[in-house]
Amino acid sequence: MKTISLFLTVLLFSIGQGRAAELKMALDSPQDVKKSGSYVWAHSFASTLRADGMAVTEYPRGALGGEDERLDQTRQGLLQINMAAVRSAGKIDRLIFGLYLPYLFDDDAHQIKALEQAGLSEKINKSLEKGDIRVLAFTRPGSPAGIFNTKRSIRTVADMQGLRMRALDAGQIALYKAWGATGTIVSWREVPNALQTGVAHGYINPSIAPLIFGHTGFLKHFTDAGAIVGGRVVLASLKWYRGLTEQKRRLIGQAAKTATAANQKWLKKTGPAMLGRLEQVGITVTRLAPEARAEFARRARTVYSAGVLSPDQVKIWTDAVKATR
C-alpha cells in the first residue's frame, strides 16, 4: 500500500511540473450526470472554472488510488480538489462524523441550513486545519439513506432481527445493535462479495447506490427509512487554497456555490423517481408507516455517543439542529 501511495505521489508531482496553474480534481463516482449527484457537482464546478479560463483535469474514480491515497495527496497539495467520503476528513478530526447521525435532520434543507447558518461548517474546517485540508462543499449523491438487504422487507424494527449489516464504523455497529441487527465492517470494494456470500445481508445507503455501483443483482429489498441525510464532501488542499489570490478564491467559491445549486436541483428532479427505478430492476420498495419510522428514530438517538463522537461533539450538532429547526 505504501509503495502504491508513493508511486501515485510521484506521478502527481510529475504531472504537475510545468502545469502549476492546472487544478487537479479526483472524482469519486462514475462520470454520469444522470446517475451521480456527486459528479453533477464536479461537472458543474469544473465547467464554471473552465469558462473563466482555469484549466481543470478530472481524474476518474480510482485513477489516483483509494480514499487514503487521495487524502495524502490532498494534504500535500499535490491534489487540489478531492471528491471524498466523510470518513476521509474524519481521519483528521472526528467532529465531521456528526453528518451521519441518524434522524438528526428533518430533511435536506434543514441539514444545509444547520451547516451554513449555525456555524457547523466553520467549526468543521477549523478542526481540519491541522490536517492541511478544508471542506469546500458538501455534496448529496442521492436521497436520504434507507435500508437495503438481501433477505426480506423491513416494515418495523422487529424485522431487523437476525440481519447482519455492512457497517462503516463503530457508530453504525451500535446503530444496528439498537435496531436488533448486527454490524460487520466491510470495505466498499468488498461489498459485492460480502452480499453474495452472506458475510453481510445489506447496508444503509441512498436509494441510488446499488444503481451506480452494480449491486442490483444481489439486493432484493429497500426500505425508504429516511435515516441519514448525510452526503459526501469536497476536500480542498489547504496549502493550495491559502496560496490562491483573493480573486482566485472568489472564483473557486462561486464555482462551488454554483455546483452545490446544480447538485440540489438534480436531487429534487431525480429523488422522487429513484424508488421507481429500484422497482424496475426488481428491488421491492417498502415505505415505513409513521409510527414505525418513529421507533427507528427513537432507538437511533440512544446511540449518538456510542460511536466515534464524544458527548460534547454530539452536543455541537444537536445544538445546531435545534437552532435552525
Protein backbone atom coordinates (compact mmCIF):
# COMPACT_ATOMS: atom_id res chain seq x y z
CA MET A 1 0.00 0.00 0.00
CA LYS A 2 2.83 2.41 0.85
CA THR A 3 4.53 1.58 -2.47
CA ILE A 4 1.32 2.37 -4.36
CA SER A 5 0.87 5.62 -2.45
CA LEU A 6 4.47 6.65 -3.20
CA PHE A 7 4.01 5.84 -6.88
CA LEU A 8 0.83 7.94 -7.09
CA THR A 9 2.51 10.82 -5.27
CA VAL A 10 5.45 10.77 -7.70
CA LEU A 11 3.00 10.55 -10.62
CA LEU A 12 1.03 13.59 -9.49
CA PHE A 13 4.22 15.54 -8.84
CA SER A 14 5.46 14.71 -12.32
CA ILE A 15 2.15 15.69 -13.89
CA GLY A 16 2.22 18.99 -12.04
CA GLN A 17 5.64 20.07 -13.29
CA GLY A 18 5.20 22.95 -15.71
CA ARG A 19 1.42 22.94 -15.17
CA ALA A 20 1.19 24.83 -11.88
CA ALA A 21 -1.96 26.70 -12.95
CA GLU A 22 -3.86 23.46 -13.53
CA LEU A 23 -6.44 22.34 -11.00
CA LYS A 24 -6.45 18.58 -10.48
CA MET A 25 -9.70 17.06 -9.25
CA ALA A 26 -10.14 13.42 -8.22
CA LEU A 27 -13.62 12.00 -8.78
CA ASP A 28 -15.43 9.54 -6.52
CA SER A 29 -18.12 8.19 -8.82
CA PRO A 30 -18.77 7.37 -12.48
CA GLN A 31 -18.78 10.39 -14.79
CA ASP A 32 -22.53 10.28 -15.36
CA VAL A 33 -24.63 13.37 -14.64
CA LYS A 34 -27.83 11.32 -14.89
CA LYS A 35 -26.92 8.84 -12.15
CA SER A 36 -24.41 10.52 -9.87
CA GLY A 37 -25.18 13.59 -7.77
CA SER A 38 -21.51 13.75 -6.83
CA TYR A 39 -20.49 14.00 -10.46
CA VAL A 40 -23.20 16.61 -11.10
CA TRP A 41 -21.36 18.75 -8.55
CA ALA A 42 -17.91 18.02 -10.01
CA HIS A 43 -19.00 18.60 -13.60
CA SER A 44 -20.64 21.93 -12.77
CA PHE A 45 -17.65 23.07 -10.71
CA ALA A 46 -15.18 22.21 -13.47
CA SER A 47 -17.34 23.74 -16.20
CA THR A 48 -17.67 27.04 -14.33
CA LEU A 49 -13.92 27.28 -13.77
CA ARG A 50 -13.11 26.37 -17.38
CA ALA A 51 -15.49 29.08 -18.58
CA ASP A 52 -13.42 31.53 -16.52
CA GLY A 53 -10.17 30.34 -18.10
CA MET A 54 -8.91 27.90 -15.48
CA ALA A 55 -7.50 24.55 -16.61
CA VAL A 56 -9.18 21.65 -14.79
CA THR A 57 -8.27 17.99 -15.15
CA GLU A 58 -10.74 15.37 -13.88
CA TYR A 59 -9.24 12.07 -12.72
CA PRO A 60 -11.71 9.15 -12.87
CA ARG A 61 -12.65 7.25 -9.75
CA GLY A 62 -9.73 5.08 -8.67
CA ALA A 63 -7.19 6.64 -11.05
CA LEU A 64 -5.30 8.26 -8.18
CA GLY A 65 -5.85 5.49 -5.66
CA GLY A 66 -8.42 4.96 -2.95
CA GLU A 67 -9.62 7.31 -0.23
CA ASP A 68 -6.40 7.03 1.81
CA GLU A 69 -4.10 7.76 -1.12
CA ARG A 70 -6.17 10.70 -2.32
CA LEU A 71 -6.29 12.16 1.19
CA ASP A 72 -2.47 12.01 1.42
CA GLN A 73 -2.13 13.74 -1.95
CA THR A 74 -4.60 16.45 -0.93
CA ARG A 75 -2.80 17.11 2.35
CA GLN A 76 0.48 17.50 0.46
CA GLY A 77 -1.01 19.95 -2.02
CA LEU A 78 -0.41 17.63 -4.98
CA LEU A 79 -4.15 17.18 -5.48
CA GLN A 80 -6.18 20.37 -5.25
CA ILE A 81 -9.75 19.03 -5.14
CA ASN A 82 -10.78 15.62 -3.81
CA MET A 83 -14.34 14.32 -4.06
CA ALA A 84 -14.27 12.24 -0.92
CA ALA A 85 -16.07 10.23 1.72
CA VAL A 86 -16.80 11.88 5.06
CA ARG A 87 -14.54 9.33 6.73
CA SER A 88 -11.53 10.76 4.86
CA ALA A 89 -11.95 14.09 6.64
CA GLY A 90 -12.83 12.15 9.79
CA LYS A 91 -9.31 10.73 9.88
CA ILE A 92 -8.10 14.24 10.68
CA ASP A 93 -10.84 15.12 13.16
CA ARG A 94 -13.98 13.24 14.20
CA LEU A 95 -16.32 16.21 14.52
CA ILE A 96 -17.43 15.85 10.89
CA PHE A 97 -18.90 12.41 11.62
CA GLY A 98 -21.92 14.19 13.07
CA LEU A 99 -23.11 14.45 9.48
CA TYR A 100 -24.03 10.76 9.73
CA LEU A 101 -26.02 10.84 12.96
CA PRO A 102 -29.30 9.12 12.03
CA TYR A 103 -32.53 11.07 12.19
CA LEU A 104 -30.68 14.22 13.20
CA PHE A 105 -32.04 16.49 10.46
CA ASP A 106 -35.62 16.92 9.34
CA ASP A 107 -34.64 16.91 5.68
CA ASP A 108 -32.01 18.08 3.20
CA ALA A 109 -32.92 21.76 3.56
CA HIS A 110 -32.57 21.52 7.34
CA GLN A 111 -29.10 19.98 7.02
CA ILE A 112 -27.95 22.74 4.67
CA LYS A 113 -29.34 25.40 7.00
CA ALA A 114 -27.57 23.94 10.03
CA LEU A 115 -24.25 23.67 8.20
CA GLU A 116 -24.39 27.18 6.78
CA GLN A 117 -26.20 29.21 9.42
CA ALA A 118 -25.32 27.59 12.75
CA GLY A 119 -21.54 27.69 12.40
CA LEU A 120 -21.05 23.98 11.73
CA SER A 121 -19.05 24.46 8.53
CA GLU A 122 -16.70 26.89 10.26
CA LYS A 123 -16.20 24.56 13.23
CA ILE A 124 -15.52 21.60 10.94
CA ASN A 125 -12.97 23.49 8.87
CA LYS A 126 -11.27 24.81 11.99
CA SER A 127 -10.92 21.23 13.22
CA LEU A 128 -9.41 20.12 9.89
CA GLU A 129 -6.71 22.80 9.64
CA LYS A 130 -4.20 20.55 11.39
CA GLY A 131 -4.57 18.10 8.52
CA ASP A 132 -3.96 20.71 5.79
CA ILE A 133 -7.41 20.27 4.28
CA ARG A 134 -10.70 22.13 4.27
CA VAL A 135 -14.22 21.24 3.21
CA LEU A 136 -15.08 23.27 0.14
CA ALA A 137 -18.61 21.87 -0.10
CA PHE A 138 -20.95 19.10 0.99
CA THR A 139 -22.46 17.03 -1.81
CA ARG A 140 -25.50 14.78 -1.98
CA PRO A 141 -25.19 11.63 -4.11
CA GLY A 142 -28.87 10.80 -3.67
CA SER A 143 -31.91 10.85 -1.41
CA PRO A 144 -31.64 10.21 2.36
CA ALA A 145 -30.29 6.77 3.23
CA GLY A 146 -32.56 3.78 3.59
CA ILE A 147 -32.07 0.11 4.38
CA PHE A 148 -31.09 -2.35 1.62
CA ASN A 149 -30.95 -6.08 2.26
CA THR A 150 -30.99 -9.47 0.57
CA LYS A 151 -33.43 -11.25 2.90
CA ARG A 152 -36.81 -9.58 3.48
CA SER A 153 -38.88 -6.43 3.52
CA ILE A 154 -38.29 -4.27 6.60
CA ARG A 155 -41.53 -2.73 7.88
CA THR A 156 -40.72 -2.43 11.60
CA VAL A 157 -37.66 -2.56 13.85
CA ALA A 158 -38.56 -6.16 14.68
CA ASP A 159 -37.85 -7.15 11.07
CA MET A 160 -34.18 -6.23 11.56
CA GLN A 161 -33.70 -9.15 13.93
CA GLY A 162 -31.10 -11.61 12.63
CA LEU A 163 -29.76 -9.41 9.84
CA ARG A 164 -26.00 -8.85 9.53
CA MET A 165 -25.39 -5.44 8.02
CA ARG A 166 -22.34 -3.89 6.43
CA ALA A 167 -21.07 -1.11 8.72
CA LEU A 168 -18.80 1.85 8.08
CA ASP A 169 -17.57 2.16 11.65
CA ALA A 170 -18.30 1.54 15.33
CA GLY A 171 -21.12 4.07 15.21
CA GLN A 172 -23.04 2.08 12.64
CA ILE A 173 -22.39 -1.16 14.52
CA ALA A 174 -24.00 0.46 17.59
CA LEU A 175 -26.91 1.65 15.44
CA TYR A 176 -27.59 -1.81 14.04
CA LYS A 177 -27.46 -3.28 17.54
CA ALA A 178 -30.03 -0.73 18.71
CA TRP A 179 -32.24 -1.88 15.85
CA GLY A 180 -31.82 -5.56 16.79
CA ALA A 181 -29.40 -6.47 13.99
CA THR A 182 -25.63 -6.93 13.98
CA GLY A 183 -23.00 -4.98 12.07
CA THR A 184 -19.77 -6.04 10.43
CA ILE A 185 -17.23 -3.64 8.95
CA VAL A 186 -16.69 -4.32 5.24
CA SER A 187 -14.75 -2.11 2.82
CA TRP A 188 -16.82 -0.77 -0.07
CA ARG A 189 -14.84 -2.71 -2.68
CA GLU A 190 -15.65 -5.95 -0.83
CA VAL A 191 -19.39 -5.28 -0.57
CA PRO A 192 -20.46 -7.26 -3.67
CA ASN A 193 -18.63 -10.37 -2.46
CA ALA A 194 -19.97 -9.89 1.09
CA LEU A 195 -23.55 -9.70 -0.18
CA GLN A 196 -23.16 -12.78 -2.36
CA THR A 197 -21.52 -14.92 0.33
CA GLY A 198 -23.73 -13.80 3.22
CA VAL A 199 -20.93 -12.08 5.12
CA ALA A 200 -23.31 -9.12 5.04
CA HIS A 201 -27.03 -9.10 4.26
CA GLY A 202 -27.29 -5.42 3.39
CA TYR A 203 -26.31 -1.82 4.09
CA ILE A 204 -27.62 1.70 4.70
CA ASN A 205 -27.23 3.95 1.68
CA PRO A 206 -29.10 6.39 -0.55
CA SER A 207 -31.52 4.69 -2.92
CA ILE A 208 -29.27 5.37 -5.90
CA ALA A 209 -26.24 3.47 -4.53
CA PRO A 210 -26.89 -0.01 -5.98
CA LEU A 211 -27.81 1.53 -9.34
CA ILE A 212 -24.47 3.33 -9.54
CA PHE A 213 -22.27 0.53 -8.23
CA GLY A 214 -23.96 -2.51 -9.76
CA HIS A 215 -25.44 -4.14 -6.66
CA THR A 216 -28.94 -4.61 -8.05
CA GLY A 217 -28.27 -8.27 -8.78
CA PHE A 218 -27.68 -9.01 -5.08
CA LEU A 219 -30.04 -6.74 -3.18
CA LYS A 220 -33.72 -7.59 -3.17
CA HIS A 221 -35.34 -5.20 -0.67
CA PHE A 222 -35.18 -1.48 0.12
CA THR A 223 -36.88 0.33 2.99
CA ASP A 224 -37.27 4.05 2.47
CA ALA A 225 -36.33 4.80 6.08
CA GLY A 226 -35.01 8.33 5.54
CA ALA A 227 -32.44 7.54 8.19
CA ILE A 228 -29.48 9.72 7.24
CA VAL A 229 -29.43 12.83 5.06
CA GLY A 230 -25.63 12.65 5.10
CA GLY A 231 -23.73 13.00 1.86
CA ARG A 232 -20.10 13.32 0.86
CA VAL A 233 -17.53 16.11 0.96
CA VAL A 234 -15.41 18.09 -1.45
CA LEU A 235 -12.00 18.41 0.15
CA ALA A 236 -9.58 21.12 -0.91
CA SER A 237 -5.87 21.23 -0.21
CA LEU A 238 -5.34 23.94 2.41
CA LYS A 239 -1.82 24.57 1.17
CA TRP A 240 -3.16 25.20 -2.31
CA TYR A 241 -6.16 27.22 -1.10
CA ARG A 242 -4.08 29.54 1.05
CA GLY A 243 -1.77 30.20 -1.90
CA LEU A 244 -4.58 31.49 -4.09
CA THR A 245 -5.06 35.17 -4.78
CA GLU A 246 -8.24 36.77 -3.43
CA GLN A 247 -9.61 36.83 -6.97
CA LYS A 248 -8.96 33.11 -7.43
CA ARG A 249 -10.54 32.30 -4.06
CA ARG A 250 -13.68 34.20 -5.03
CA LEU A 251 -13.76 32.32 -8.34
CA ILE A 252 -13.39 28.96 -6.58
CA GLY A 253 -16.03 29.91 -4.01
CA GLN A 254 -18.54 30.99 -6.63
CA ALA A 255 -17.93 27.86 -8.69
CA ALA A 256 -18.55 25.77 -5.56
CA LYS A 257 -21.84 27.59 -4.87
CA THR A 258 -22.95 27.09 -8.47
CA ALA A 259 -22.06 23.40 -8.27
CA THR A 260 -23.94 22.94 -5.00
CA ALA A 261 -27.02 24.55 -6.53
CA ALA A 262 -26.73 22.19 -9.53
CA ASN A 263 -26.45 19.21 -7.17
CA GLN A 264 -29.57 20.33 -5.27
CA LYS A 265 -31.52 20.86 -8.50
CA TRP A 266 -30.55 17.38 -9.68
CA LEU A 267 -31.58 15.88 -6.34
CA LYS A 268 -35.04 17.46 -6.45
CA LYS A 269 -35.55 16.24 -10.00
CA THR A 270 -34.29 12.67 -9.63
CA GLY A 271 -35.09 11.88 -5.99
CA PRO A 272 -38.83 11.22 -6.37
CA ALA A 273 -38.22 8.89 -9.34
CA MET A 274 -35.47 6.86 -7.68
CA LEU A 275 -37.76 4.43 -5.89
CA GLY A 276 -39.44 3.64 -9.17
CA ARG A 277 -36.09 2.86 -10.73
CA LEU A 278 -35.36 0.39 -7.94
CA GLU A 279 -38.66 -1.35 -8.56
CA GLN A 280 -37.90 -1.52 -12.27
CA VAL A 281 -34.75 -3.57 -11.58
CA GLY A 282 -36.55 -5.96 -9.26
CA ILE A 283 -35.95 -4.46 -5.81
CA THR A 284 -39.01 -4.45 -3.57
CA VAL A 285 -39.56 -0.99 -2.04
CA THR A 286 -41.13 -0.58 1.40
CA ARG A 287 -42.28 2.75 2.79
CA LEU A 288 -42.34 2.99 6.58
CA ALA A 289 -45.51 3.88 8.43
CA PRO A 290 -45.07 7.00 10.62
CA GLU A 291 -45.14 5.01 13.86
CA ALA A 292 -42.53 2.54 12.54
CA ARG A 293 -40.24 5.36 11.45
CA ALA A 294 -40.61 6.98 14.86
CA GLU A 295 -39.42 3.77 16.55
CA PHE A 296 -36.38 3.52 14.26
CA ALA A 297 -35.58 7.15 15.09
CA ARG A 298 -36.09 6.74 18.84
CA ARG A 299 -33.68 3.82 19.03
CA ALA A 300 -31.13 5.52 16.77
CA ARG A 301 -30.92 8.57 19.02
CA THR A 302 -29.98 6.42 22.02
CA VAL A 303 -26.58 5.61 20.47
CA TYR A 304 -25.42 9.04 19.26
CA SER A 305 -22.43 8.92 21.61
CA ALA A 306 -21.79 5.18 21.22
CA GLY A 307 -19.63 5.59 18.15
CA VAL A 308 -16.79 7.96 17.28
CA LEU A 309 -18.23 11.20 18.66
CA SER A 310 -17.84 12.43 22.23
CA PRO A 311 -20.91 13.75 24.08
CA ASP A 312 -19.55 17.30 23.63
CA GLN A 313 -19.23 16.80 19.88
CA VAL A 314 -22.74 15.38 19.67
CA LYS A 315 -23.98 18.46 21.52
CA ILE A 316 -22.39 20.76 18.92
CA TRP A 317 -24.50 19.06 16.25
CA THR A 318 -27.73 18.80 18.23
CA ASP A 319 -27.49 22.44 19.30
CA ALA A 320 -27.08 23.49 15.66
CA VAL A 321 -30.08 21.38 14.70
CA LYS A 322 -32.28 22.93 17.41
CA ALA A 323 -31.15 26.45 16.47
CA THR A 324 -32.16 26.00 12.84
CA ARG A 325 -35.37 24.00 13.24
